PDB file of N, CA and C in Angstrom:
ATOM      1  N   MET A   1       0.857  -1.253   0.023  1.00  0.00           N
ATOM      2  CA  MET A   1       0.024  -0.002  -0.103  1.00  0.00           C
ATOM      3  C   MET A   1       0.873   1.125   0.009  1.00  0.00           C
ATOM      4  N   GLN A   2       0.458   2.240  -0.809  1.00  0.00           N
ATOM      5  CA  GLN A   2       1.413   3.550  -1.044  1.00  0.00           C
ATOM      6  C   GLN A   2       0.492   4.631  -0.169  1.00  0.00           C
ATOM      7  N   PRO A   3       1.133   5.687   0.073  1.00  0.00           N
ATOM      8  CA  PRO A   3       0.472   6.789   0.722  1.00  0.00           C
ATOM      9  C   PRO A   3      -0.706   7.349  -0.262  1.00  0.00           C
ATOM     10  N   LEU A   4      -1.710   7.732   0.139  1.00  0.00           N
ATOM     11  CA  LEU A   4      -2.926   8.317  -0.670  1.00  0.00           C
ATOM     12  C   LEU A   4      -3.531   7.095  -1.506  1.00  0.00           C
ATOM     13  N   MET A   5      -3.126   5.809  -1.242  1.00  0.00           N
ATOM     14  CA  MET A   5      -3.609   4.929  -1.908  1.00  0.00           C
ATOM     15  C   MET A   5      -4.956   4.164  -1.523  1.00  0.00           C
ATOM     16  N   THR A   6      -6.022   4.160  -2.266  1.00  0.00           N
ATOM     17  CA  THR A   6      -7.229   3.568  -1.673  1.00  0.00           C
ATOM     18  C   THR A   6      -7.394   2.277  -2.278  1.00  0.00           C
ATOM     19  N   SER A   7      -8.488   1.414  -2.009  1.00  0.00           N
ATOM     20  CA  SER A   7      -8.666   0.305  -2.702  1.00  0.00           C
ATOM     21  C   SER A   7      -8.971   0.271  -4.140  1.00  0.00           C
ATOM     22  N   ASP A   8      -9.544   1.343  -4.662  1.00  0.00           N
ATOM     23  CA  ASP A   8      -9.654   1.833  -6.067  1.00  0.00           C
ATOM     24  C   ASP A   8      -8.304   1.800  -6.690  1.00  0.00           C
ATOM     25  N   GLY A   9      -7.444   2.559  -6.083  1.00  0.00           N
ATOM     26  CA  GLY A   9      -6.133   2.627  -6.578  1.00  0.00           C
ATOM     27  C   GLY A   9      -5.293   1.294  -6.599  1.00  0.00           C
ATOM     28  N   THR A  10      -5.514   0.647  -5.529  1.00  0.00           N
ATOM     29  CA  THR A  10      -4.716  -0.834  -5.531  1.00  0.00           C
ATOM     30  C   THR A  10      -5.231  -1.696  -6.500  1.00  0.00           C
ATOM     31  N   ALA A  11      -6.608  -1.640  -6.817  1.00  0.00           N
ATOM     32  CA  ALA A  11      -7.191  -2.403  -7.862  1.00  0.00           C
ATOM     33  C   ALA A  11      -6.616  -2.021  -9.239  1.00  0.00           C
ATOM     34  N   ALA A  12      -6.575  -0.725  -9.232  1.00  0.00           N
ATOM     35  CA  ALA A  12      -5.958  -0.078 -10.784  1.00  0.00           C
ATOM     36  C   ALA A  12      -4.790  -0.396 -11.021  1.00  0.00           C
ATOM     37  N   ASP A  13      -3.821  -0.378  -9.803  1.00  0.00           N
ATOM     38  CA  ASP A  13      -2.440  -0.593  -9.827  1.00  0.00           C
ATOM     39  C   ASP A  13      -2.251  -2.197 -10.272  1.00  0.00           C
ATOM     40  N   ILE A  14      -2.904  -3.155  -9.729  1.00  0.00           N
ATOM     41  CA  ILE A  14      -2.937  -4.428  -9.966  1.00  0.00           C
ATOM     42  C   ILE A  14      -3.372  -4.761 -11.481  1.00  0.00           C
ATOM     43  N   ALA A  15      -4.425  -4.034 -11.946  1.00  0.00           N
ATOM     44  CA  ALA A  15      -4.769  -4.228 -13.258  1.00  0.00           C
ATOM     45  C   ALA A  15      -3.715  -3.663 -14.289  1.00  0.00           C
ATOM     46  N   ARG A  16      -2.946  -2.484 -13.848  1.00  0.00           N
ATOM     47  CA  ARG A  16      -1.992  -1.950 -14.650  1.00  0.00           C
ATOM     48  C   ARG A  16      -0.760  -3.028 -14.589  1.00  0.00           C
ATOM     49  N   TRP A  17      -0.385  -3.501 -13.581  1.00  0.00           N
ATOM     50  CA  TRP A  17       0.596  -4.431 -13.397  1.00  0.00           C
ATOM     51  C   TRP A  17       0.449  -5.641 -14.337  1.00  0.00           C
ATOM     52  N   TRP A  18      -0.742  -6.110 -14.352  1.00  0.00           N
ATOM     53  CA  TRP A  18      -1.100  -7.414 -15.208  1.00  0.00           C
ATOM     54  C   TRP A  18      -1.371  -6.992 -16.678  1.00  0.00           C
ATOM     55  N   LYS A  19      -1.113  -5.667 -16.880  1.00  0.00           N
ATOM     56  CA  LYS A  19      -1.430  -5.153 -18.339  1.00  0.00           C
ATOM     57  C   LYS A  19      -2.953  -5.473 -18.858  1.00  0.00           C
ATOM     58  N   ALA A  20      -3.935  -5.458 -17.944  1.00  0.00           N
ATOM     59  CA  ALA A  20      -5.301  -5.592 -18.263  1.00  0.00           C
ATOM     60  C   ALA A  20      -5.828  -4.852 -19.304  1.00  0.00           C
ATOM     61  N   ASP A  21      -6.493  -5.336 -20.299  1.00  0.00           N
ATOM     62  CA  ASP A  21      -7.171  -4.526 -21.347  1.00  0.00           C
ATOM     63  C   ASP A  21      -8.408  -3.780 -20.826  1.00  0.00           C
ATOM     64  N   ILE A  22      -8.893  -4.251 -19.755  1.00  0.00           N
ATOM     65  CA  ILE A  22     -10.202  -3.481 -19.249  1.00  0.00           C
ATOM     66  C   ILE A  22     -10.146  -3.575 -17.730  1.00  0.00           C
ATOM     67  N   PHE A  23     -10.729  -2.477 -17.088  1.00  0.00           N
ATOM     68  CA  PHE A  23     -10.948  -2.324 -15.691  1.00  0.00           C
ATOM     69  C   PHE A  23     -12.357  -2.248 -15.247  1.00  0.00           C
ATOM     70  N   ILE A  24     -12.712  -2.955 -14.569  1.00  0.00           N
ATOM     71  CA  ILE A  24     -14.139  -2.963 -14.170  1.00  0.00           C
ATOM     72  C   ILE A  24     -14.205  -2.769 -12.436  1.00  0.00           C
ATOM     73  N   ASN A  25     -14.532  -1.450 -12.183  1.00  0.00           N
ATOM     74  CA  ASN A  25     -14.689  -1.139 -10.814  1.00  0.00           C
ATOM     75  C   ASN A  25     -16.051  -1.407 -10.106  1.00  0.00           C
ATOM     76  N   MET A  26     -16.082  -2.336  -9.035  1.00  0.00           N
ATOM     77  CA  MET A  26     -17.117  -2.623  -8.401  1.00  0.00           C
ATOM     78  C   MET A  26     -17.397  -1.710  -7.328  1.00  0.00           C
ATOM     79  N   THR A  27     -18.557  -1.330  -7.186  1.00  0.00           N
ATOM     80  CA  THR A  27     -18.718  -0.200  -6.151  1.00  0.00           C
ATOM     81  C   THR A  27     -20.334  -0.326  -5.787  1.00  0.00           C
ATOM     82  N   ASN A  28     -20.571   0.372  -4.484  1.00  0.00           N
ATOM     83  CA  ASN A  28     -21.744   0.406  -3.941  1.00  0.00           C
ATOM     84  C   ASN A  28     -22.505   1.860  -4.304  1.00  0.00           C
ATOM     85  N   VAL A  29     -21.743   2.616  -5.186  1.00  0.00           N
ATOM     86  CA  VAL A  29     -22.497   3.916  -5.742  1.00  0.00           C
ATOM     87  C   VAL A  29     -23.103   3.647  -7.006  1.00  0.00           C
ATOM     88  N   LYS A  30     -24.295   4.069  -7.048  1.00  0.00           N
ATOM     89  CA  LYS A  30     -25.285   3.554  -8.116  1.00  0.00           C
ATOM     90  C   LYS A  30     -24.820   4.424  -9.529  1.00  0.00           C
ATOM     91  N   GLY A  31     -24.076   5.357  -9.352  1.00  0.00           N
ATOM     92  CA  GLY A  31     -23.537   5.978 -10.764  1.00  0.00           C
ATOM     93  C   GLY A  31     -22.883   7.346 -10.569  1.00  0.00           C
ATOM     94  N   LEU A  32     -22.619   7.979 -11.604  1.00  0.00           N
ATOM     95  CA  LEU A  32     -22.132   9.457 -11.417  1.00  0.00           C
ATOM     96  C   LEU A  32     -23.351  10.402 -11.664  1.00  0.00           C
ATOM     97  N   TYR A  33     -23.137  11.369 -10.660  1.00  0.00           N
ATOM     98  CA  TYR A  33     -24.082  12.444 -10.583  1.00  0.00           C
ATOM     99  C   TYR A  33     -23.323  13.972 -10.555  1.00  0.00           C
ATOM    100  N   ASN A  34     -24.072  14.873 -11.189  1.00  0.00           N
ATOM    101  CA  ASN A  34     -23.176  16.482 -11.094  1.00  0.00           C
ATOM    102  C   ASN A  34     -22.910  16.858  -9.637  1.00  0.00           C
ATOM    103  N   LYS A  35     -23.415  16.183  -8.686  1.00  0.00           N
ATOM    104  CA  LYS A  35     -23.198  16.516  -7.164  1.00  0.00           C
ATOM    105  C   LYS A  35     -23.677  15.320  -6.239  1.00  0.00           C
ATOM    106  N   ASN A  36     -23.303  15.440  -5.240  1.00  0.00           N
ATOM    107  CA  ASN A  36     -23.680  14.291  -4.139  1.00  0.00           C
ATOM    108  C   ASN A  36     -25.254  14.085  -3.942  1.00  0.00           C
ATOM    109  N   PRO A  37     -25.665  13.050  -4.533  1.00  0.00           N
ATOM    110  CA  PRO A  37     -27.202  12.889  -4.492  1.00  0.00           C
ATOM    111  C   PRO A  37     -27.613  12.651  -2.953  1.00  0.00           C
ATOM    112  N   LYS A  38     -26.749  12.335  -2.050  1.00  0.00           N
ATOM    113  CA  LYS A  38     -27.047  11.973  -0.666  1.00  0.00           C
ATOM    114  C   LYS A  38     -27.231  13.427   0.040  1.00  0.00           C
ATOM    115  N   GLU A  39     -26.542  14.532  -0.610  1.00  0.00           N
ATOM    116  CA  GLU A  39     -26.796  15.529   0.134  1.00  0.00           C
ATOM    117  C   GLU A  39     -27.781  16.884  -0.722  1.00  0.00           C
ATOM    118  N   TYR A  40     -27.818  16.317  -1.936  1.00  0.00           N
ATOM    119  CA  TYR A  40     -28.705  17.464  -2.801  1.00  0.00           C
ATOM    120  C   TYR A  40     -29.808  16.546  -3.448  1.00  0.00           C
ATOM    121  N   LYS A  41     -30.970  16.984  -3.334  1.00  0.00           N
ATOM    122  CA  LYS A  41     -32.131  16.216  -3.907  1.00  0.00           C
ATOM    123  C   LYS A  41     -32.184  16.697  -5.341  1.00  0.00           C
ATOM    124  N   ASP A  42     -31.652  17.755  -5.876  1.00  0.00           N
ATOM    125  CA  ASP A  42     -31.706  17.912  -7.297  1.00  0.00           C
ATOM    126  C   ASP A  42     -30.539  17.569  -8.049  1.00  0.00           C
ATOM    127  N   ALA A  43     -29.850  16.628  -7.387  1.00  0.00           N
ATOM    128  CA  ALA A  43     -28.506  16.269  -8.169  1.00  0.00           C
ATOM    129  C   ALA A  43     -28.968  15.273  -9.447  1.00  0.00           C
ATOM    130  N   LYS A  44     -28.326  15.586 -10.513  1.00  0.00           N
ATOM    131  CA  LYS A  44     -28.590  14.884 -11.798  1.00  0.00           C
ATOM    132  C   LYS A  44     -27.697  13.677 -12.146  1.00  0.00           C
ATOM    133  N   PHE A  45     -28.540  12.593 -12.610  1.00  0.00           N
ATOM    134  CA  PHE A  45     -27.586  11.350 -13.021  1.00  0.00           C
ATOM    135  C   PHE A  45     -26.974  11.685 -14.306  1.00  0.00           C
ATOM    136  N   ILE A  46     -25.776  11.349 -14.475  1.00  0.00           N
ATOM    137  CA  ILE A  46     -24.928  11.396 -15.778  1.00  0.00           C
ATOM    138  C   ILE A  46     -24.784  10.144 -16.357  1.00  0.00           C
ATOM    139  N   PRO A  47     -25.803   9.776 -17.285  1.00  0.00           N
ATOM    140  CA  PRO A  47     -25.649   8.409 -17.890  1.00  0.00           C
ATOM    141  C   PRO A  47     -24.471   8.017 -18.727  1.00  0.00           C
ATOM    142  N   GLU A  48     -23.904   8.970 -19.167  1.00  0.00           N
ATOM    143  CA  GLU A  48     -22.721   8.707 -20.086  1.00  0.00           C
ATOM    144  C   GLU A  48     -21.818   9.908 -20.112  1.00  0.00           C
ATOM    145  N   ILE A  49     -20.336   9.675 -20.145  1.00  0.00           N
ATOM    146  CA  ILE A  49     -19.456  10.731 -20.038  1.00  0.00           C
ATOM    147  C   ILE A  49     -18.028  10.181 -20.635  1.00  0.00           C
ATOM    148  N   SER A  50     -17.248  10.770 -21.289  1.00  0.00           N
ATOM    149  CA  SER A  50     -15.820  10.508 -21.662  1.00  0.00           C
ATOM    150  C   SER A  50     -15.083  10.542 -20.584  1.00  0.00           C
ATOM    151  N   PHE A  51     -14.004   9.673 -20.638  1.00  0.00           N
ATOM    152  CA  PHE A  51     -13.052   9.439 -19.412  1.00  0.00           C
ATOM    153  C   PHE A  51     -12.267  10.965 -19.266  1.00  0.00           C
ATOM    154  N   ASP A  52     -11.979  11.592 -20.309  1.00  0.00           N
ATOM    155  CA  ASP A  52     -11.465  13.041 -20.033  1.00  0.00           C
ATOM    156  C   ASP A  52     -12.354  13.797 -19.198  1.00  0.00           C
ATOM    157  N   ASP A  53     -13.681  13.908 -19.579  1.00  0.00           N
ATOM    158  CA  ASP A  53     -14.461  14.683 -18.944  1.00  0.00           C
ATOM    159  C   ASP A  53     -14.537  14.027 -17.203  1.00  0.00           C
ATOM    160  N   PHE A  54     -14.749  12.752 -17.085  1.00  0.00           N
ATOM    161  CA  PHE A  54     -14.744  12.019 -15.883  1.00  0.00           C
ATOM    162  C   PHE A  54     -13.561  12.592 -15.065  1.00  0.00           C
ATOM    163  N   LEU A  55     -12.244  12.529 -15.680  1.00  0.00           N
ATOM    164  CA  LEU A  55     -10.992  12.846 -15.020  1.00  0.00           C
ATOM    165  C   LEU A  55     -11.100  14.432 -14.471  1.00  0.00           C
ATOM    166  N   LYS A  56     -11.529  15.176 -15.213  1.00  0.00           N
ATOM    167  CA  LYS A  56     -11.860  16.737 -14.965  1.00  0.00           C
ATOM    168  C   LYS A  56     -12.794  16.657 -13.636  1.00  0.00           C
ATOM    169  N   ARG A  57     -13.924  15.922 -13.586  1.00  0.00           N
ATOM    170  CA  ARG A  57     -14.757  16.036 -12.262  1.00  0.00           C
ATOM    171  C   ARG A  57     -14.204  15.353 -11.325  1.00  0.00           C
ATOM    172  N   VAL A  58     -13.451  14.179 -11.330  1.00  0.00           N
ATOM    173  CA  VAL A  58     -12.936  13.460 -10.229  1.00  0.00           C
ATOM    174  C   VAL A  58     -11.755  14.261  -9.603  1.00  0.00           C
ATOM    175  N   ASN A  59     -10.993  14.959 -10.501  1.00  0.00           N
ATOM    176  CA  ASN A  59      -9.818  15.807  -9.749  1.00  0.00           C
ATOM    177  C   ASN A  59     -10.272  17.132  -9.206  1.00  0.00           C
ATOM    178  N   LYS A  60     -11.555  17.540  -9.256  1.00  0.00           N
ATOM    179  CA  LYS A  60     -12.053  18.654  -8.602  1.00  0.00           C
ATOM    180  C   LYS A  60     -12.424  18.306  -7.007  1.00  0.00           C
ATOM    181  N   ILE A  61     -12.518  17.058  -6.771  1.00  0.00           N
ATOM    182  CA  ILE A  61     -13.047  16.415  -5.584  1.00  0.00           C
ATOM    183  C   ILE A  61     -11.774  16.357  -4.643  1.00  0.00           C
ATOM    184  N   LYS A  62     -11.917  16.947  -3.431  1.00  0.00           N
ATOM    185  CA  LYS A  62     -10.837  16.770  -2.490  1.00  0.00           C
ATOM    186  C   LYS A  62     -10.735  15.441  -2.205  1.00  0.00           C
ATOM    187  N   PHE A  63      -9.442  14.861  -2.416  1.00  0.00           N
ATOM    188  CA  PHE A  63      -9.165  13.329  -2.086  1.00  0.00           C
ATOM    189  C   PHE A  63      -9.277  13.074  -0.549  1.00  0.00           C
ATOM    190  N   ARG A  64     -10.189  11.835  -0.356  1.00  0.00           N
ATOM    191  CA  ARG A  64      -9.991  11.196   1.106  1.00  0.00           C
ATOM    192  C   ARG A  64     -10.563   9.894   0.751  1.00  0.00           C
ATOM    193  N   ALA A  65      -9.985   9.025   1.593  1.00  0.00           N
ATOM    194  CA  ALA A  65     -10.320   7.382   1.616  1.00  0.00           C
ATOM    195  C   ALA A  65     -11.783   7.431   2.110  1.00  0.00           C
ATOM    196  N   GLY A  66     -12.392   6.429   1.278  1.00  0.00           N
ATOM    197  CA  GLY A  66     -13.964   6.221   1.759  1.00  0.00           C
ATOM    198  C   GLY A  66     -14.786   7.408   1.101  1.00  0.00           C
ATOM    199  N   GLN A  67     -14.569   8.022   0.140  1.00  0.00           N
ATOM    200  CA  GLN A  67     -15.441   9.165  -0.259  1.00  0.00           C
ATOM    201  C   GLN A  67     -16.563   8.788  -1.299  1.00  0.00           C
ATOM    202  N   HIS A  68     -16.578   7.412  -1.356  1.00  0.00           N
ATOM    203  CA  HIS A  68     -17.897   7.007  -1.978  1.00  0.00           C
ATOM    204  C   HIS A  68     -18.120   7.584  -3.408  1.00  0.00           C
ATOM    205  N   PHE A  69     -17.218   7.648  -4.205  1.00  0.00           N
ATOM    206  CA  PHE A  69     -17.357   8.142  -5.653  1.00  0.00           C
ATOM    207  C   PHE A  69     -17.308   7.018  -6.418  1.00  0.00           C
ATOM    208  N   VAL A  70     -17.632   6.995  -7.778  1.00  0.00           N
ATOM    209  CA  VAL A  70     -17.771   6.026  -8.628  1.00  0.00           C
ATOM    210  C   VAL A  70     -16.297   5.418  -8.784  1.00  0.00           C
ATOM    211  N   LEU A  71     -15.246   6.149  -8.826  1.00  0.00           N
ATOM    212  CA  LEU A  71     -13.941   5.728  -8.982  1.00  0.00           C
ATOM    213  C   LEU A  71     -12.933   6.906  -8.459  1.00  0.00           C
ATOM    214  N   ASP A  72     -12.380   6.762  -7.444  1.00  0.00           N
ATOM    215  CA  ASP A  72     -11.613   7.858  -6.705  1.00  0.00           C
ATOM    216  C   ASP A  72     -10.181   8.288  -7.615  1.00  0.00           C
ATOM    217  N   GLN A  73      -9.814   9.412  -7.064  1.00  0.00           N
ATOM    218  CA  GLN A  73      -8.614  10.006  -7.808  1.00  0.00           C
ATOM    219  C   GLN A  73      -7.484   9.029  -7.990  1.00  0.00           C
ATOM    220  N   SER A  74      -7.152   8.326  -7.065  1.00  0.00           N
ATOM    221  CA  SER A  74      -5.862   7.344  -7.091  1.00  0.00           C
ATOM    222  C   SER A  74      -6.098   6.391  -8.332  1.00  0.00           C
ATOM    223  N   GLY A  75      -7.382   5.774  -8.282  1.00  0.00           N
ATOM    224  CA  GLY A  75      -7.636   4.790  -9.402  1.00  0.00           C
ATOM    225  C   GLY A  75      -7.732   5.362 -10.738  1.00  0.00           C
ATOM    226  N   ALA A  76      -8.378   6.562 -10.782  1.00  0.00           N
ATOM    227  CA  ALA A  76      -8.521   7.245 -12.196  1.00  0.00           C
ATOM    228  C   ALA A  76      -7.304   7.661 -12.725  1.00  0.00           C
ATOM    229  N   LYS A  77      -6.395   8.149 -11.813  1.00  0.00           N
ATOM    230  CA  LYS A  77      -4.985   8.650 -12.231  1.00  0.00           C
ATOM    231  C   LYS A  77      -4.268   7.371 -12.709  1.00  0.00           C
ATOM    232  N   ILE A  78      -4.351   6.274 -12.083  1.00  0.00           N
ATOM    233  CA  ILE A  78      -3.561   5.199 -12.605  1.00  0.00           C
ATOM    234  C   ILE A  78      -4.044   4.447 -13.975  1.00  0.00           C
ATOM    235  N   ILE A  79      -5.253   4.429 -13.922  1.00  0.00           N
ATOM    236  CA  ILE A  79      -5.884   3.876 -15.321  1.00  0.00           C
ATOM    237  C   ILE A  79      -5.763   4.874 -16.583  1.00  0.00           C
ATOM    238  N   SER A  80      -5.576   6.133 -16.258  1.00  0.00           N
ATOM    239  CA  SER A  80      -5.346   7.147 -17.416  1.00  0.00           C
ATOM    240  C   SER A  80      -3.998   7.269 -18.007  1.00  0.00           C
ATOM    241  N   GLN A  81      -3.288   6.583 -17.299  1.00  0.00           N
ATOM    242  CA  GLN A  81      -1.857   6.395 -17.656  1.00  0.00           C
ATOM    243  C   GLN A  81      -1.475   5.447 -18.957  1.00  0.00           C
TER     244      GLN A  81
END
């Protein structure tokens, strides 16, 4: 385990190490929203997004373990390389 590494990051690191062609992240988060649906009733579901746009969104969120986001910064950074 590395500093600032979460289970998403560890899974992505393992996929990279194995040179995987695909990365599937299993999560209890129902999907991507424009804001936290647990805090905002008017949060809008985003059914489709490019990975570049996803990276822009994920990088705006303050990093913390257990943040319950579709894929956290550490995992997204690793699979974007």
